[in-house]
Amino acid sequence: MGVVYFAPSEGEDPYIKVGSHISKGDTVGLIEAMKMFNEVHSPVDGEVVELLVENGSMVEYDQPIARVRKVGDN
């Protein structure tokens, strides 16, 4: 459990937004848990079609934070 952030710090550009093209391994956000920040990396290549949580909200372990259309999917 932790807090998700879509930008490296307040006022900076987000890692991802709807329409972003991402590659496997790209940083898509940060999770803050117990005062430590952990990068979240994309497991796939694709396009972000929906953010499933709001910046600064609590998330659970393995909770999806974005919906991605994989490259080659329709």
PDB file of N, CA and C in Angstrom:
ATOM      1  N   MET A   1       0.846  -1.168   0.000  1.00  0.00           N
ATOM      2  CA  MET A   1       0.000   0.000   0.000  1.00  0.00           C
ATOM      3  C   MET A   1       0.895   1.236   0.000  1.00  0.00           C
ATOM      4  N   GLY A   2       0.481   2.251  -0.753  1.00  0.00           N
ATOM      5  CA  GLY A   2       1.251   3.481  -0.814  1.00  0.00           C
ATOM      6  C   GLY A   2       0.501   4.546  -1.588  1.00  0.00           C
ATOM      7  N   VAL A   3       1.160   5.661  -1.818  1.00  0.00           N
ATOM      8  CA  VAL A   3       0.578   6.788  -2.549  1.00  0.00           C
ATOM      9  C   VAL A   3       1.246   6.850  -3.920  1.00  0.00           C
ATOM     10  N   VAL A   4       0.419   6.980  -4.974  1.00  0.00           N
ATOM     11  CA  VAL A   4       0.948   7.020  -6.333  1.00  0.00           C
ATOM     12  C   VAL A   4       1.112   8.473  -6.782  1.00  0.00           C
ATOM     13  N   TYR A   5       2.226   8.720  -7.467  1.00  0.00           N
ATOM     14  CA  TYR A   5       2.500  10.040  -8.054  1.00  0.00           C
ATOM     15  C   TYR A   5       2.877   9.838  -9.521  1.00  0.00           C
ATOM     16  N   PHE A   6       2.284  10.644 -10.394  1.00  0.00           N
ATOM     17  CA  PHE A   6       2.551  10.523 -11.825  1.00  0.00           C
ATOM     18  C   PHE A   6       3.619  11.495 -12.322  1.00  0.00           C
ATOM     19  N   ALA A   7       4.197  12.314 -11.430  1.00  0.00           N
ATOM     20  CA  ALA A   7       5.267  13.251 -11.802  1.00  0.00           C
ATOM     21  C   ALA A   7       6.389  13.129 -10.777  1.00  0.00           C
ATOM     22  N   PRO A   8       7.626  13.434 -11.177  1.00  0.00           N
ATOM     23  CA  PRO A   8       8.756  13.323 -10.256  1.00  0.00           C
ATOM     24  C   PRO A   8       8.639  14.256  -9.056  1.00  0.00           C
ATOM     25  N   SER A   9       8.016  15.415  -9.240  1.00  0.00           N
ATOM     26  CA  SER A   9       7.754  16.332  -8.130  1.00  0.00           C
ATOM     27  C   SER A   9       6.683  17.326  -8.574  1.00  0.00           C
ATOM     28  N   GLU A  10       6.118  18.023  -7.611  1.00  0.00           N
ATOM     29  CA  GLU A  10       5.050  18.975  -7.905  1.00  0.00           C
ATOM     30  C   GLU A  10       5.526  20.028  -8.898  1.00  0.00           C
ATOM     31  N   GLY A  11       4.697  20.293  -9.898  1.00  0.00           N
ATOM     32  CA  GLY A  11       5.023  21.297 -10.898  1.00  0.00           C
ATOM     33  C   GLY A  11       5.807  20.773 -12.093  1.00  0.00           C
ATOM     34  N   GLU A  12       6.270  19.525 -12.026  1.00  0.00           N
ATOM     35  CA  GLU A  12       7.004  18.942 -13.157  1.00  0.00           C
ATOM     36  C   GLU A  12       6.051  18.167 -14.060  1.00  0.00           C
ATOM     37  N   ASP A  13       6.478  17.943 -15.300  1.00  0.00           N
ATOM     38  CA  ASP A  13       5.668  17.194 -16.251  1.00  0.00           C
ATOM     39  C   ASP A  13       5.452  15.767 -15.754  1.00  0.00           C
ATOM     40  N   PRO A  14       4.245  15.220 -15.988  1.00  0.00           N
ATOM     41  CA  PRO A  14       3.980  13.843 -15.560  1.00  0.00           C
ATOM     42  C   PRO A  14       4.755  12.838 -16.413  1.00  0.00           C
ATOM     43  N   TYR A  15       5.012  11.689 -15.817  1.00  0.00           N
ATOM     44  CA  TYR A  15       5.658  10.600 -16.564  1.00  0.00           C
ATOM     45  C   TYR A  15       4.760  10.150 -17.711  1.00  0.00           C
ATOM     46  N   ILE A  16       3.454  10.024 -17.413  1.00  0.00           N
ATOM     47  CA  ILE A  16       2.498   9.581 -18.428  1.00  0.00           C
ATOM     48  C   ILE A  16       1.215  10.398 -18.328  1.00  0.00           C
ATOM     49  N   LYS A  17       0.471  10.417 -19.415  1.00  0.00           N
ATOM     50  CA  LYS A  17      -0.877  10.978 -19.464  1.00  0.00           C
ATOM     51  C   LYS A  17      -1.609  10.237 -20.568  1.00  0.00           C
ATOM     52  N   VAL A  18      -2.911  10.398 -20.651  1.00  0.00           N
ATOM     53  CA  VAL A  18      -3.674   9.738 -21.703  1.00  0.00           C
ATOM     54  C   VAL A  18      -3.110  10.164 -23.051  1.00  0.00           C
ATOM     55  N   GLY A  19      -2.834   9.179 -23.889  1.00  0.00           N
ATOM     56  CA  GLY A  19      -2.250   9.433 -25.207  1.00  0.00           C
ATOM     57  C   GLY A  19      -0.745   9.233 -25.251  1.00  0.00           C
ATOM     58  N   SER A  20      -0.111   9.115 -24.088  1.00  0.00           N
ATOM     59  CA  SER A  20       1.340   8.891 -24.053  1.00  0.00           C
ATOM     60  C   SER A  20       1.694   7.540 -24.654  1.00  0.00           C
ATOM     61  N   HIS A  21       2.774   7.507 -25.414  1.00  0.00           N
ATOM     62  CA  HIS A  21       3.310   6.243 -25.919  1.00  0.00           C
ATOM     63  C   HIS A  21       4.447   5.846 -24.985  1.00  0.00           C
ATOM     64  N   ILE A  22       4.378   4.609 -24.504  1.00  0.00           N
ATOM     65  CA  ILE A  22       5.376   4.127 -23.547  1.00  0.00           C
ATOM     66  C   ILE A  22       6.019   2.851 -24.063  1.00  0.00           C
ATOM     67  N   SER A  23       7.210   2.610 -23.584  1.00  0.00           N
ATOM     68  CA  SER A  23       7.950   1.396 -23.925  1.00  0.00           C
ATOM     69  C   SER A  23       8.138   0.563 -22.664  1.00  0.00           C
ATOM     70  N   LYS A  24       8.276  -0.726 -22.870  1.00  0.00           N
ATOM     71  CA  LYS A  24       8.519  -1.622 -21.747  1.00  0.00           C
ATOM     72  C   LYS A  24       9.727  -1.105 -20.970  1.00  0.00           C
ATOM     73  N   GLY A  25       9.580  -0.977 -19.653  1.00  0.00           N
ATOM     74  CA  GLY A  25      10.659  -0.498 -18.807  1.00  0.00           C
ATOM     75  C   GLY A  25      10.621   0.987 -18.493  1.00  0.00           C
ATOM     76  N   ASP A  26       9.810   1.768 -19.237  1.00  0.00           N
ATOM     77  CA  ASP A  26       9.693   3.205 -18.958  1.00  0.00           C
ATOM     78  C   ASP A  26       9.114   3.438 -17.558  1.00  0.00           C
ATOM     79  N   THR A  27       9.574   4.474 -16.887  1.00  0.00           N
ATOM     80  CA  THR A  27       8.981   4.868 -15.616  1.00  0.00           C
ATOM     81  C   THR A  27       7.636   5.512 -15.903  1.00  0.00           C
ATOM     82  N   VAL A  28       6.575   5.016 -15.233  1.00  0.00           N
ATOM     83  CA  VAL A  28       5.230   5.553 -15.433  1.00  0.00           C
ATOM     84  C   VAL A  28       4.703   6.245 -14.181  1.00  0.00           C
ATOM     85  N   GLY A  29       5.411   6.104 -13.063  1.00  0.00           N
ATOM     86  CA  GLY A  29       4.979   6.747 -11.831  1.00  0.00           C
ATOM     87  C   GLY A  29       5.884   6.370 -10.675  1.00  0.00           C
ATOM     88  N   LEU A  30       5.526   6.914  -9.521  1.00  0.00           N
ATOM     89  CA  LEU A  30       6.239   6.619  -8.280  1.00  0.00           C
ATOM     90  C   LEU A  30       5.222   6.163  -7.240  1.00  0.00           C
ATOM     91  N   ILE A  31       5.631   5.233  -6.391  1.00  0.00           N
ATOM     92  CA  ILE A  31       4.820   4.834  -5.249  1.00  0.00           C
ATOM     93  C   ILE A  31       5.610   5.194  -3.997  1.00  0.00           C
ATOM     94  N   GLU A  32       4.989   5.984  -3.122  1.00  0.00           N
ATOM     95  CA  GLU A  32       5.609   6.322  -1.846  1.00  0.00           C
ATOM     96  C   GLU A  32       5.023   5.412  -0.778  1.00  0.00           C
ATOM     97  N   ALA A  33       5.890   4.650  -0.148  1.00  0.00           N
ATOM     98  CA  ALA A  33       5.480   3.770   0.945  1.00  0.00           C
ATOM     99  C   ALA A  33       6.532   3.869   2.044  1.00  0.00           C
ATOM    100  N   MET A  34       6.095   4.146   3.252  1.00  0.00           N
ATOM    101  CA  MET A  34       6.989   4.252   4.401  1.00  0.00           C
ATOM    102  C   MET A  34       8.129   5.240   4.135  1.00  0.00           C
ATOM    103  N   LYS A  35       7.779   6.377   3.539  1.00  0.00           N
ATOM    104  CA  LYS A  35       8.714   7.478   3.263  1.00  0.00           C
ATOM    105  C   LYS A  35       9.797   7.129   2.241  1.00  0.00           C
ATOM    106  N   MET A  36       9.589   6.026   1.504  1.00  0.00           N
ATOM    107  CA  MET A  36      10.507   5.648   0.425  1.00  0.00           C
ATOM    108  C   MET A  36       9.745   5.710  -0.889  1.00  0.00           C
ATOM    109  N   PHE A  37      10.422   6.169  -1.943  1.00  0.00           N
ATOM    110  CA  PHE A  37       9.815   6.258  -3.263  1.00  0.00           C
ATOM    111  C   PHE A  37      10.350   5.134  -4.135  1.00  0.00           C
ATOM    112  N   ASN A  38       9.426   4.413  -4.779  1.00  0.00           N
ATOM    113  CA  ASN A  38       9.787   3.321  -5.682  1.00  0.00           C
ATOM    114  C   ASN A  38       9.221   3.625  -7.054  1.00  0.00           C
ATOM    115  N   GLU A  39      10.062   3.514  -8.081  1.00  0.00           N
ATOM    116  CA  GLU A  39       9.600   3.737  -9.448  1.00  0.00           C
ATOM    117  C   GLU A  39       8.716   2.581  -9.896  1.00  0.00           C
ATOM    118  N   VAL A  40       7.686   2.929 -10.668  1.00  0.00           N
ATOM    119  CA  VAL A  40       6.824   1.931 -11.302  1.00  0.00           C
ATOM    120  C   VAL A  40       7.179   1.940 -12.782  1.00  0.00           C
ATOM    121  N   HIS A  41       7.478   0.768 -13.331  1.00  0.00           N
ATOM    122  CA  HIS A  41       7.888   0.654 -14.731  1.00  0.00           C
ATOM    123  C   HIS A  41       6.833  -0.070 -15.547  1.00  0.00           C
ATOM    124  N   SER A  42       6.693   0.338 -16.795  1.00  0.00           N
ATOM    125  CA  SER A  42       5.734  -0.302 -17.690  1.00  0.00           C
ATOM    126  C   SER A  42       6.188  -1.715 -18.039  1.00  0.00           C
ATOM    127  N   PRO A  43       5.257  -2.684 -17.953  1.00  0.00           N
ATOM    128  CA  PRO A  43       5.594  -4.048 -18.347  1.00  0.00           C
ATOM    129  C   PRO A  43       5.431  -4.288 -19.855  1.00  0.00           C
ATOM    130  N   VAL A  44       4.890  -3.298 -20.584  1.00  0.00           N
ATOM    131  CA  VAL A  44       4.581  -3.473 -22.008  1.00  0.00           C
ATOM    132  C   VAL A  44       4.888  -2.218 -22.812  1.00  0.00           C
ATOM    133  N   ASP A  45       4.935  -2.373 -24.143  1.00  0.00           N
ATOM    134  CA  ASP A  45       4.972  -1.246 -25.078  1.00  0.00           C
ATOM    135  C   ASP A  45       3.532  -0.907 -25.426  1.00  0.00           C
ATOM    136  N   GLY A  46       3.186   0.365 -25.500  1.00  0.00           N
ATOM    137  CA  GLY A  46       1.834   0.712 -25.900  1.00  0.00           C
ATOM    138  C   GLY A  46       1.498   2.176 -25.716  1.00  0.00           C
ATOM    139  N   GLU A  47       0.184   2.449 -25.707  1.00  0.00           N
ATOM    140  CA  GLU A  47      -0.347   3.802 -25.562  1.00  0.00           C
ATOM    141  C   GLU A  47      -1.252   3.841 -24.341  1.00  0.00           C
ATOM    142  N   VAL A  48      -1.066   4.847 -23.486  1.00  0.00           N
ATOM    143  CA  VAL A  48      -1.913   5.011 -22.303  1.00  0.00           C
ATOM    144  C   VAL A  48      -3.293   5.476 -22.768  1.00  0.00           C
ATOM    145  N   VAL A  49      -4.330   4.705 -22.436  1.00  0.00           N
ATOM    146  CA  VAL A  49      -5.687   5.070 -22.841  1.00  0.00           C
ATOM    147  C   VAL A  49      -6.539   5.561 -21.675  1.00  0.00           C
ATOM    148  N   GLU A  50      -6.101   5.270 -20.430  1.00  0.00           N
ATOM    149  CA  GLU A  50      -6.861   5.732 -19.267  1.00  0.00           C
ATOM    150  C   GLU A  50      -5.985   5.649 -18.020  1.00  0.00           C
ATOM    151  N   LEU A  51      -6.057   6.686 -17.193  1.00  0.00           N
ATOM    152  CA  LEU A  51      -5.437   6.631 -15.874  1.00  0.00           C
ATOM    153  C   LEU A  51      -6.519   6.150 -14.917  1.00  0.00           C
ATOM    154  N   LEU A  52      -6.244   5.086 -14.179  1.00  0.00           N
ATOM    155  CA  LEU A  52      -7.248   4.444 -13.344  1.00  0.00           C
ATOM    156  C   LEU A  52      -7.288   4.977 -11.918  1.00  0.00           C
ATOM    157  N   VAL A  53      -6.296   5.755 -11.530  1.00  0.00           N
ATOM    158  CA  VAL A  53      -6.253   6.371 -10.196  1.00  0.00           C
ATOM    159  C   VAL A  53      -5.826   7.822 -10.353  1.00  0.00           C
ATOM    160  N   GLU A  54      -6.144   8.618  -9.348  1.00  0.00           N
ATOM    161  CA  GLU A  54      -5.743  10.021  -9.364  1.00  0.00           C
ATOM    162  C   GLU A  54      -4.366  10.186  -8.745  1.00  0.00           C
ATOM    163  N   ASN A  55      -3.631  11.157  -9.242  1.00  0.00           N
ATOM    164  CA  ASN A  55      -2.334  11.498  -8.669  1.00  0.00           C
ATOM    165  C   ASN A  55      -2.515  11.789  -7.177  1.00  0.00           C
ATOM    166  N   GLY A  56      -1.677  11.184  -6.342  1.00  0.00           N
ATOM    167  CA  GLY A  56      -1.736  11.419  -4.908  1.00  0.00           C
ATOM    168  C   GLY A  56      -2.690  10.513  -4.157  1.00  0.00           C
ATOM    169  N   SER A  57      -3.297   9.551  -4.848  1.00  0.00           N
ATOM    170  CA  SER A  57      -4.241   8.654  -4.171  1.00  0.00           C
ATOM    171  C   SER A  57      -3.542   7.392  -3.655  1.00  0.00           C
ATOM    172  N   MET A  58      -4.187   6.751  -2.698  1.00  0.00           N
ATOM    173  CA  MET A  58      -3.676   5.501  -2.132  1.00  0.00           C
ATOM    174  C   MET A  58      -3.929   4.359  -3.112  1.00  0.00           C
ATOM    175  N   VAL A  59      -2.951   3.476  -3.236  1.00  0.00           N
ATOM    176  CA  VAL A  59      -3.095   2.290  -4.075  1.00  0.00           C
ATOM    177  C   VAL A  59      -2.648   1.064  -3.284  1.00  0.00           C
ATOM    178  N   GLU A  60      -3.158  -0.082  -3.692  1.00  0.00           N
ATOM    179  CA  GLU A  60      -2.815  -1.364  -3.079  1.00  0.00           C
ATOM    180  C   GLU A  60      -1.745  -2.054  -3.913  1.00  0.00           C
ATOM    181  N   TYR A  61      -1.116  -3.044  -3.342  1.00  0.00           N
ATOM    182  CA  TYR A  61      -0.128  -3.853  -4.045  1.00  0.00           C
ATOM    183  C   TYR A  61      -0.782  -4.491  -5.265  1.00  0.00           C
ATOM    184  N   ASP A  62      -0.151  -4.416  -6.427  1.00  0.00           N
ATOM    185  CA  ASP A  62      -0.625  -4.984  -7.699  1.00  0.00           C
ATOM    186  C   ASP A  62      -1.885  -4.313  -8.255  1.00  0.00           C
ATOM    187  N   GLN A  63      -2.292  -3.162  -7.723  1.00  0.00           N
ATOM    188  CA  GLN A  63      -3.449  -2.451  -8.257  1.00  0.00           C
ATOM    189  C   GLN A  63      -3.053  -1.770  -9.563  1.00  0.00           C
ATOM    190  N   PRO A  64      -3.823  -1.970 -10.633  1.00  0.00           N
ATOM    191  CA  PRO A  64      -3.524  -1.264 -11.891  1.00  0.00           C
ATOM    192  C   PRO A  64      -3.667   0.244 -11.707  1.00  0.00           C
ATOM    193  N   ILE A  65      -2.748   1.011 -12.298  1.00  0.00           N
ATOM    194  CA  ILE A  65      -2.828   2.472 -12.200  1.00  0.00           C
ATOM    195  C   ILE A  65      -3.164   3.118 -13.545  1.00  0.00           C
ATOM    196  N   ALA A  66      -3.003   2.355 -14.628  1.00  0.00           N
ATOM    197  CA  ALA A  66      -3.313   2.882 -15.961  1.00  0.00           C
ATOM    198  C   ALA A  66      -3.711   1.731 -16.873  1.00  0.00           C
ATOM    199  N   ARG A  67      -4.538   2.062 -17.852  1.00  0.00           N
ATOM    200  CA  ARG A  67      -4.892   1.080 -18.879  1.00  0.00           C
ATOM    201  C   ARG A  67      -4.083   1.432 -20.124  1.00  0.00           C
ATOM    202  N   VAL A  68      -3.428   0.423 -20.680  1.00  0.00           N
ATOM    203  CA  VAL A  68      -2.539   0.612 -21.822  1.00  0.00           C
ATOM    204  C   VAL A  68      -2.980  -0.280 -22.978  1.00  0.00           C
ATOM    205  N   ARG A  69      -3.081   0.310 -24.151  1.00  0.00           N
ATOM    206  CA  ARG A  69      -3.327  -0.470 -25.364  1.00  0.00           C
ATOM    207  C   ARG A  69      -1.964  -0.904 -25.866  1.00  0.00           C
ATOM    208  N   LYS A  70      -1.732  -2.213 -25.825  1.00  0.00           N
ATOM    209  CA  LYS A  70      -0.434  -2.732 -26.255  1.00  0.00           C
ATOM    210  C   LYS A  70      -0.224  -2.494 -27.734  1.00  0.00           C
ATOM    211  N   VAL A  71       1.016  -2.334 -28.133  1.00  0.00           N
ATOM    212  CA  VAL A  71       1.354  -2.192 -29.540  1.00  0.00           C
ATOM    213  C   VAL A  71       0.860  -3.431 -30.271  1.00  0.00           C
ATOM    214  N   GLY A  72       0.118  -3.218 -31.364  1.00  0.00           N
ATOM    215  CA  GLY A  72      -0.422  -4.326 -32.141  1.00  0.00           C
ATOM    216  C   GLY A  72      -1.848  -4.709 -31.753  1.00  0.00           C
ATOM    217  N   ASP A  73      -2.356  -4.197 -30.600  1.00  0.00           N
ATOM    218  CA  ASP A  73      -3.752  -4.459 -30.209  1.00  0.00           C
ATOM    219  C   ASP A  73      -4.651  -3.436 -30.859  1.00  0.00           C
ATOM    220  N   ASN A  74      -5.881  -3.796 -31.104  1.00  0.00           N
ATOM    221  CA  ASN A  74      -6.858  -2.856 -31.679  1.00  0.00           C
ATOM    222  C   ASN A  74      -7.750  -2.306 -30.639  1.00  0.00           C
TER     223      ASN A  74
END
